[in-house]
């Protein structure tokens, strides 16, 4: 139960961070500070890395809780 709750809250924090990073990339693109290609690459890589980290978190938390208890 604890693993599920910590994983869900951590995933929410990760997805909020990704959302705001994409907003920053969009602002940079609108101001012509980054190209459209870089905007797509940065946004896609942020999403992929965030999904990978969020999917690996439960296993890490499970190990941590196993050692604590």
PDB file of N, CA and C in Angstrom:
ATOM      1  N   UNK A   1       0.816  -1.194   0.000  1.00  0.00           N
ATOM      2  CA  UNK A   1       0.000   0.000   0.000  1.00  0.00           C
ATOM      3  C   UNK A   1       0.864   1.265   0.000  1.00  0.00           C
ATOM      4  N   UNK A   2       1.917   1.235   0.827  1.00  0.00           N
ATOM      5  CA  UNK A   2       2.787   2.411   0.893  1.00  0.00           C
ATOM      6  C   UNK A   2       3.516   2.636  -0.423  1.00  0.00           C
ATOM      7  N   UNK A   3       3.894   1.538  -1.062  1.00  0.00           N
ATOM      8  CA  UNK A   3       4.625   1.639  -2.327  1.00  0.00           C
ATOM      9  C   UNK A   3       3.740   2.280  -3.390  1.00  0.00           C
ATOM     10  N   UNK A   4       2.485   1.890  -3.423  1.00  0.00           N
ATOM     11  CA  UNK A   4       1.562   2.442  -4.417  1.00  0.00           C
ATOM     12  C   UNK A   4       1.357   3.937  -4.190  1.00  0.00           C
ATOM     13  N   UNK A   5       1.149   4.328  -2.942  1.00  0.00           N
ATOM     14  CA  UNK A   5       0.918   5.747  -2.648  1.00  0.00           C
ATOM     15  C   UNK A   5       2.144   6.596  -2.973  1.00  0.00           C
ATOM     16  N   UNK A   6       3.319   6.143  -2.559  1.00  0.00           N
ATOM     17  CA  UNK A   6       4.522   6.934  -2.852  1.00  0.00           C
ATOM     18  C   UNK A   6       4.792   6.987  -4.340  1.00  0.00           C
ATOM     19  N   UNK A   7       4.527   5.898  -5.052  1.00  0.00           N
ATOM     20  CA  UNK A   7       4.733   5.895  -6.498  1.00  0.00           C
ATOM     21  C   UNK A   7       3.770   6.833  -7.201  1.00  0.00           C
ATOM     22  N   UNK A   8       2.529   6.842  -6.770  1.00  0.00           N
ATOM     23  CA  UNK A   8       1.534   7.712  -7.401  1.00  0.00           C
ATOM     24  C   UNK A   8       1.875   9.179  -7.167  1.00  0.00           C
ATOM     25  N   UNK A   9       2.203   9.529  -5.941  1.00  0.00           N
ATOM     26  CA  UNK A   9       2.524  10.929  -5.661  1.00  0.00           C
ATOM     27  C   UNK A   9       3.816  11.363  -6.356  1.00  0.00           C
ATOM     28  N   UNK A  10       4.794  10.472  -6.430  1.00  0.00           N
ATOM     29  CA  UNK A  10       6.025  10.803  -7.144  1.00  0.00           C
ATOM     30  C   UNK A  10       5.762  10.954  -8.638  1.00  0.00           C
ATOM     31  N   UNK A  11       4.918  10.100  -9.183  1.00  0.00           N
ATOM     32  CA  UNK A  11       4.575  10.207 -10.600  1.00  0.00           C
ATOM     33  C   UNK A  11       3.836  11.510 -10.887  1.00  0.00           C
ATOM     34  N   UNK A  12       2.971  11.922  -9.980  1.00  0.00           N
ATOM     35  CA  UNK A  12       2.266  13.198 -10.156  1.00  0.00           C
ATOM     36  C   UNK A  12       3.260  14.353 -10.183  1.00  0.00           C
ATOM     37  N   UNK A  13       4.232  14.325  -9.279  1.00  0.00           N
ATOM     38  CA  UNK A  13       5.251  15.378  -9.255  1.00  0.00           C
ATOM     39  C   UNK A  13       6.063  15.377 -10.547  1.00  0.00           C
ATOM     40  N   UNK A  14       6.410  14.196 -11.037  1.00  0.00           N
ATOM     41  CA  UNK A  14       7.184  14.096 -12.278  1.00  0.00           C
ATOM     42  C   UNK A  14       6.385  14.637 -13.453  1.00  0.00           C
ATOM     43  N   UNK A  15       5.105  14.278 -13.549  1.00  0.00           N
ATOM     44  CA  UNK A  15       4.302  14.738 -14.674  1.00  0.00           C
ATOM     45  C   UNK A  15       4.019  16.236 -14.612  1.00  0.00           C
ATOM     46  N   UNK A  16       3.872  16.792 -13.428  1.00  0.00           N
ATOM     47  CA  UNK A  16       3.725  18.248 -13.301  1.00  0.00           C
ATOM     48  C   UNK A  16       5.006  18.942 -13.759  1.00  0.00           C
ATOM     49  N   UNK A  17       6.150  18.385 -13.379  1.00  0.00           N
ATOM     50  CA  UNK A  17       7.432  18.950 -13.811  1.00  0.00           C
ATOM     51  C   UNK A  17       7.565  18.903 -15.329  1.00  0.00           C
ATOM     52  N   UNK A  18       7.190  17.795 -15.936  1.00  0.00           N
ATOM     53  CA  UNK A  18       7.262  17.667 -17.397  1.00  0.00           C
ATOM     54  C   UNK A  18       6.326  18.673 -18.060  1.00  0.00           C
ATOM     55  N   UNK A  19       5.135  18.830 -17.512  1.00  0.00           N
ATOM     56  CA  UNK A  19       4.173  19.785 -18.069  1.00  0.00           C
ATOM     57  C   UNK A  19       4.748  21.194 -18.097  1.00  0.00           C
ATOM     58  N   UNK A  20       5.368  21.611 -16.988  1.00  0.00           N
ATOM     59  CA  UNK A  20       5.932  22.956 -16.946  1.00  0.00           C
ATOM     60  C   UNK A  20       7.189  23.081 -17.804  1.00  0.00           C
ATOM     61  N   UNK A  21       7.949  22.005 -17.942  1.00  0.00           N
ATOM     62  CA  UNK A  21       9.102  22.050 -18.841  1.00  0.00           C
ATOM     63  C   UNK A  21       8.654  22.249 -20.281  1.00  0.00           C
ATOM     64  N   UNK A  22       7.568  21.586 -20.667  1.00  0.00           N
ATOM     65  CA  UNK A  22       7.038  21.762 -22.028  1.00  0.00           C
ATOM     66  C   UNK A  22       6.534  23.192 -22.216  1.00  0.00           C
ATOM     67  N   UNK A  23       5.936  23.778 -21.177  1.00  0.00           N
ATOM     68  CA  UNK A  23       5.518  25.173 -21.275  1.00  0.00           C
ATOM     69  C   UNK A  23       6.723  26.091 -21.485  1.00  0.00           C
ATOM     70  N   UNK A  24       7.826  25.800 -20.793  1.00  0.00           N
ATOM     71  CA  UNK A  24       9.043  26.599 -20.964  1.00  0.00           C
ATOM     72  C   UNK A  24       9.596  26.438 -22.372  1.00  0.00           C
ATOM     73  N   UNK A  25       9.599  25.203 -22.891  1.00  0.00           N
ATOM     74  CA  UNK A  25      10.059  24.983 -24.267  1.00  0.00           C
ATOM     75  C   UNK A  25       9.181  25.714 -25.260  1.00  0.00           C
ATOM     76  N   UNK A  26       7.881  25.745 -25.007  1.00  0.00           N
ATOM     77  CA  UNK A  26       6.963  26.449 -25.895  1.00  0.00           C
ATOM     78  C   UNK A  26       7.226  27.951 -25.871  1.00  0.00           C
ATOM     79  N   UNK A  27       7.490  28.493 -24.711  1.00  0.00           N
ATOM     80  CA  UNK A  27       7.824  29.922 -24.620  1.00  0.00           C
ATOM     81  C   UNK A  27       9.113  30.210 -25.372  1.00  0.00           C
ATOM     82  N   UNK A  28      10.099  29.338 -25.216  1.00  0.00           N
ATOM     83  CA  UNK A  28      11.353  29.509 -25.948  1.00  0.00           C
ATOM     84  C   UNK A  28      11.156  29.430 -27.450  1.00  0.00           C
ATOM     85  N   UNK A  29      10.276  28.545 -27.883  1.00  0.00           N
ATOM     86  CA  UNK A  29       9.989  28.437 -29.317  1.00  0.00           C
ATOM     87  C   UNK A  29       9.265  29.679 -29.829  1.00  0.00           C
ATOM     88  N   UNK A  30       8.303  30.189 -29.066  1.00  0.00           N
ATOM     89  CA  UNK A  30       7.561  31.378 -29.505  1.00  0.00           C
ATOM     90  C   UNK A  30       8.446  32.610 -29.579  1.00  0.00           C
ATOM     91  N   UNK A  31       9.474  32.662 -28.726  1.00  0.00           N
ATOM     92  CA  UNK A  31      10.395  33.806 -28.748  1.00  0.00           C
ATOM     93  C   UNK A  31      11.539  33.602 -29.746  1.00  0.00           C
ATOM     94  N   UNK A  32      11.478  32.543 -30.504  1.00  0.00           N
ATOM     95  CA  UNK A  32      12.492  32.188 -31.503  1.00  0.00           C
ATOM     96  C   UNK A  32      13.868  31.965 -30.879  1.00  0.00           C
ATOM     97  N   UNK A  33      13.894  31.468 -29.653  1.00  0.00           N
ATOM     98  CA  UNK A  33      15.160  31.139 -29.009  1.00  0.00           C
ATOM     99  C   UNK A  33      15.585  29.711 -29.319  1.00  0.00           C
ATOM    100  N   UNK A  34      14.609  28.847 -29.596  1.00  0.00           N
ATOM    101  CA  UNK A  34      14.912  27.489 -30.040  1.00  0.00           C
ATOM    102  C   UNK A  34      14.104  27.218 -31.302  1.00  0.00           C
ATOM    103  N   UNK A  35      14.620  26.324 -32.137  1.00  0.00           N
ATOM    104  CA  UNK A  35      13.916  25.997 -33.375  1.00  0.00           C
ATOM    105  C   UNK A  35      12.793  25.006 -33.090  1.00  0.00           C
ATOM    106  N   UNK A  36      11.957  24.787 -34.100  1.00  0.00           N
ATOM    107  CA  UNK A  36      10.854  23.853 -33.945  1.00  0.00           C
ATOM    108  C   UNK A  36      11.367  22.437 -33.736  1.00  0.00           C
ATOM    109  N   UNK A  37      12.442  22.092 -34.415  1.00  0.00           N
ATOM    110  CA  UNK A  37      13.024  20.757 -34.275  1.00  0.00           C
ATOM    111  C   UNK A  37      13.531  20.535 -32.851  1.00  0.00           C
ATOM    112  N   UNK A  38      14.209  21.532 -32.291  1.00  0.00           N
ATOM    113  CA  UNK A  38      14.677  21.404 -30.906  1.00  0.00           C
ATOM    114  C   UNK A  38      13.508  21.341 -29.938  1.00  0.00           C
ATOM    115  N   UNK A  39      12.455  22.107 -30.220  1.00  0.00           N
ATOM    116  CA  UNK A  39      11.267  22.061 -29.376  1.00  0.00           C
ATOM    117  C   UNK A  39      10.674  20.656 -29.339  1.00  0.00           C
ATOM    118  N   UNK A  40      10.555  20.040 -30.506  1.00  0.00           N
ATOM    119  CA  UNK A  40      10.014  18.682 -30.581  1.00  0.00           C
ATOM    120  C   UNK A  40      10.937  17.696 -29.883  1.00  0.00           C
ATOM    121  N   UNK A  41      12.232  17.806 -30.101  1.00  0.00           N
ATOM    122  CA  UNK A  41      13.200  16.875 -29.498  1.00  0.00           C
ATOM    123  C   UNK A  41      13.200  17.023 -27.979  1.00  0.00           C
ATOM    124  N   UNK A  42      13.253  18.247 -27.488  1.00  0.00           N
ATOM    125  CA  UNK A  42      13.263  18.474 -26.034  1.00  0.00           C
ATOM    126  C   UNK A  42      11.966  17.993 -25.388  1.00  0.00           C
ATOM    127  N   UNK A  43      10.851  18.287 -26.006  1.00  0.00           N
ATOM    128  CA  UNK A  43       9.561  17.869 -25.439  1.00  0.00           C
ATOM    129  C   UNK A  43       9.428  16.350 -25.428  1.00  0.00           C
ATOM    130  N   UNK A  44       9.776  15.727 -26.533  1.00  0.00           N
ATOM    131  CA  UNK A  44       9.675  14.272 -26.624  1.00  0.00           C
ATOM    132  C   UNK A  44      10.608  13.580 -25.653  1.00  0.00           C
ATOM    133  N   UNK A  45      11.838  14.061 -25.569  1.00  0.00           N
ATOM    134  CA  UNK A  45      12.782  13.428 -24.645  1.00  0.00           C
ATOM    135  C   UNK A  45      12.353  13.634 -23.189  1.00  0.00           C
ATOM    136  N   UNK A  46      11.789  14.775 -22.862  1.00  0.00           N
ATOM    137  CA  UNK A  46      11.296  15.007 -21.503  1.00  0.00           C
ATOM    138  C   UNK A  46      10.162  14.049 -21.161  1.00  0.00           C
ATOM    139  N   UNK A  47       9.252  13.864 -22.088  1.00  0.00           N
ATOM    140  CA  UNK A  47       8.130  12.958 -21.859  1.00  0.00           C
ATOM    141  C   UNK A  47       8.606  11.525 -21.708  1.00  0.00           C
ATOM    142  N   UNK A  48       9.504  11.092 -22.587  1.00  0.00           N
ATOM    143  CA  UNK A  48       9.988   9.706 -22.547  1.00  0.00           C
ATOM    144  C   UNK A  48      10.757   9.438 -21.253  1.00  0.00           C
ATOM    145  N   UNK A  49      11.640  10.339 -20.885  1.00  0.00           N
ATOM    146  CA  UNK A  49      12.413  10.154 -19.651  1.00  0.00           C
ATOM    147  C   UNK A  49      11.498  10.164 -18.436  1.00  0.00           C
ATOM    148  N   UNK A  50      10.511  11.042 -18.425  1.00  0.00           N
ATOM    149  CA  UNK A  50       9.566  11.089 -17.311  1.00  0.00           C
ATOM    150  C   UNK A  50       8.753   9.814 -17.177  1.00  0.00           C
ATOM    151  N   UNK A  51       8.311   9.257 -18.305  1.00  0.00           N
ATOM    152  CA  UNK A  51       7.546   8.005 -18.265  1.00  0.00           C
ATOM    153  C   UNK A  51       8.421   6.855 -17.801  1.00  0.00           C
ATOM    154  N   UNK A  52       9.668   6.817 -18.249  1.00  0.00           N
ATOM    155  CA  UNK A  52      10.576   5.755 -17.822  1.00  0.00           C
ATOM    156  C   UNK A  52      10.838   5.842 -16.319  1.00  0.00           C
ATOM    157  N   UNK A  53      11.117   7.032 -15.836  1.00  0.00           N
ATOM    158  CA  UNK A  53      11.387   7.204 -14.403  1.00  0.00           C
ATOM    159  C   UNK A  53      10.144   6.864 -13.584  1.00  0.00           C
ATOM    160  N   UNK A  54       8.977   7.304 -14.030  1.00  0.00           N
ATOM    161  CA  UNK A  54       7.749   7.021 -13.288  1.00  0.00           C
ATOM    162  C   UNK A  54       7.418   5.533 -13.292  1.00  0.00           C
ATOM    163  N   UNK A  55       7.796   4.814 -14.334  1.00  0.00           N
ATOM    164  CA  UNK A  55       7.505   3.382 -14.365  1.00  0.00           C
ATOM    165  C   UNK A  55       8.517   2.568 -13.569  1.00  0.00           C
ATOM    166  N   UNK A  56       9.709   3.099 -13.338  1.00  0.00           N
ATOM    167  CA  UNK A  56      10.725   2.384 -12.562  1.00  0.00           C
ATOM    168  C   UNK A  56      10.601   2.677 -11.066  1.00  0.00           C
ATOM    169  N   UNK A  57       9.966   3.765 -10.709  1.00  0.00           N
ATOM    170  CA  UNK A  57       9.836   4.161  -9.309  1.00  0.00           C
ATOM    171  C   UNK A  57       9.249   3.094  -8.382  1.00  0.00           C
ATOM    172  N   UNK A  58       8.179   2.395  -8.759  1.00  0.00           N
ATOM    173  CA  UNK A  58       7.631   1.407  -7.820  1.00  0.00           C
ATOM    174  C   UNK A  58       8.635   0.330  -7.412  1.00  0.00           C
ATOM    175  N   UNK A  59       9.491  -0.083  -8.321  1.00  0.00           N
ATOM    176  CA  UNK A  59      10.483  -1.105  -7.994  1.00  0.00           C
ATOM    177  C   UNK A  59      11.525  -0.573  -7.015  1.00  0.00           C
ATOM    178  N   UNK A  60      11.929   0.666  -7.218  1.00  0.00           N
ATOM    179  CA  UNK A  60      12.876   1.280  -6.290  1.00  0.00           C
ATOM    180  C   UNK A  60      12.278   1.477  -4.913  1.00  0.00           C
ATOM    181  N   UNK A  61      11.042   1.959  -4.870  1.00  0.00           N
ATOM    182  CA  UNK A  61      10.382   2.150  -3.589  1.00  0.00           C
ATOM    183  C   UNK A  61      10.133   0.822  -2.882  1.00  0.00           C
ATOM    184  N   UNK A  62       9.845  -0.218  -3.648  1.00  0.00           N
ATOM    185  CA  UNK A  62       9.624  -1.527  -3.053  1.00  0.00           C
ATOM    186  C   UNK A  62      10.892  -2.026  -2.367  1.00  0.00           C
ATOM    187  N   UNK A  63      12.038  -1.829  -3.005  1.00  0.00           N
ATOM    188  CA  UNK A  63      13.315  -2.224  -2.388  1.00  0.00           C
ATOM    189  C   UNK A  63      13.585  -1.413  -1.123  1.00  0.00           C
ATOM    190  N   UNK A  64      13.319  -0.113  -1.187  1.00  0.00           N
ATOM    191  CA  UNK A  64      13.567   0.746  -0.024  1.00  0.00           C
ATOM    192  C   UNK A  64      12.677   0.322   1.145  1.00  0.00           C
ATOM    193  N   UNK A  65      11.405   0.088   0.881  1.00  0.00           N
ATOM    194  CA  UNK A  65      10.501  -0.330   1.946  1.00  0.00           C
ATOM    195  C   UNK A  65      10.843  -1.719   2.462  1.00  0.00           C
ATOM    196  N   UNK A  66      11.356  -2.569   1.593  1.00  0.00           N
ATOM    197  CA  UNK A  66      11.778  -3.904   2.029  1.00  0.00           C
ATOM    198  C   UNK A  66      12.929  -3.801   3.035  1.00  0.00           C
ATOM    199  N   UNK A  67      13.881  -2.901   2.764  1.00  0.00           N
ATOM    200  CA  UNK A  67      15.015  -2.738   3.680  1.00  0.00           C
ATOM    201  C   UNK A  67      14.602  -2.053   4.984  1.00  0.00           C
ATOM    202  N   UNK A  68      13.618  -1.154   4.919  1.00  0.00           N
ATOM    203  CA  UNK A  68      13.170  -0.464   6.130  1.00  0.00           C
ATOM    204  C   UNK A  68      12.422  -1.409   7.046  1.00  0.00           C
ATOM    205  N   UNK A  69      11.530  -2.210   6.477  1.00  0.00           N
ATOM    206  CA  UNK A  69      10.733  -3.113   7.302  1.00  0.00           C
ATOM    207  C   UNK A  69      11.431  -4.424   7.353  1.00  0.00           C
TER     208      UNK A  69
END
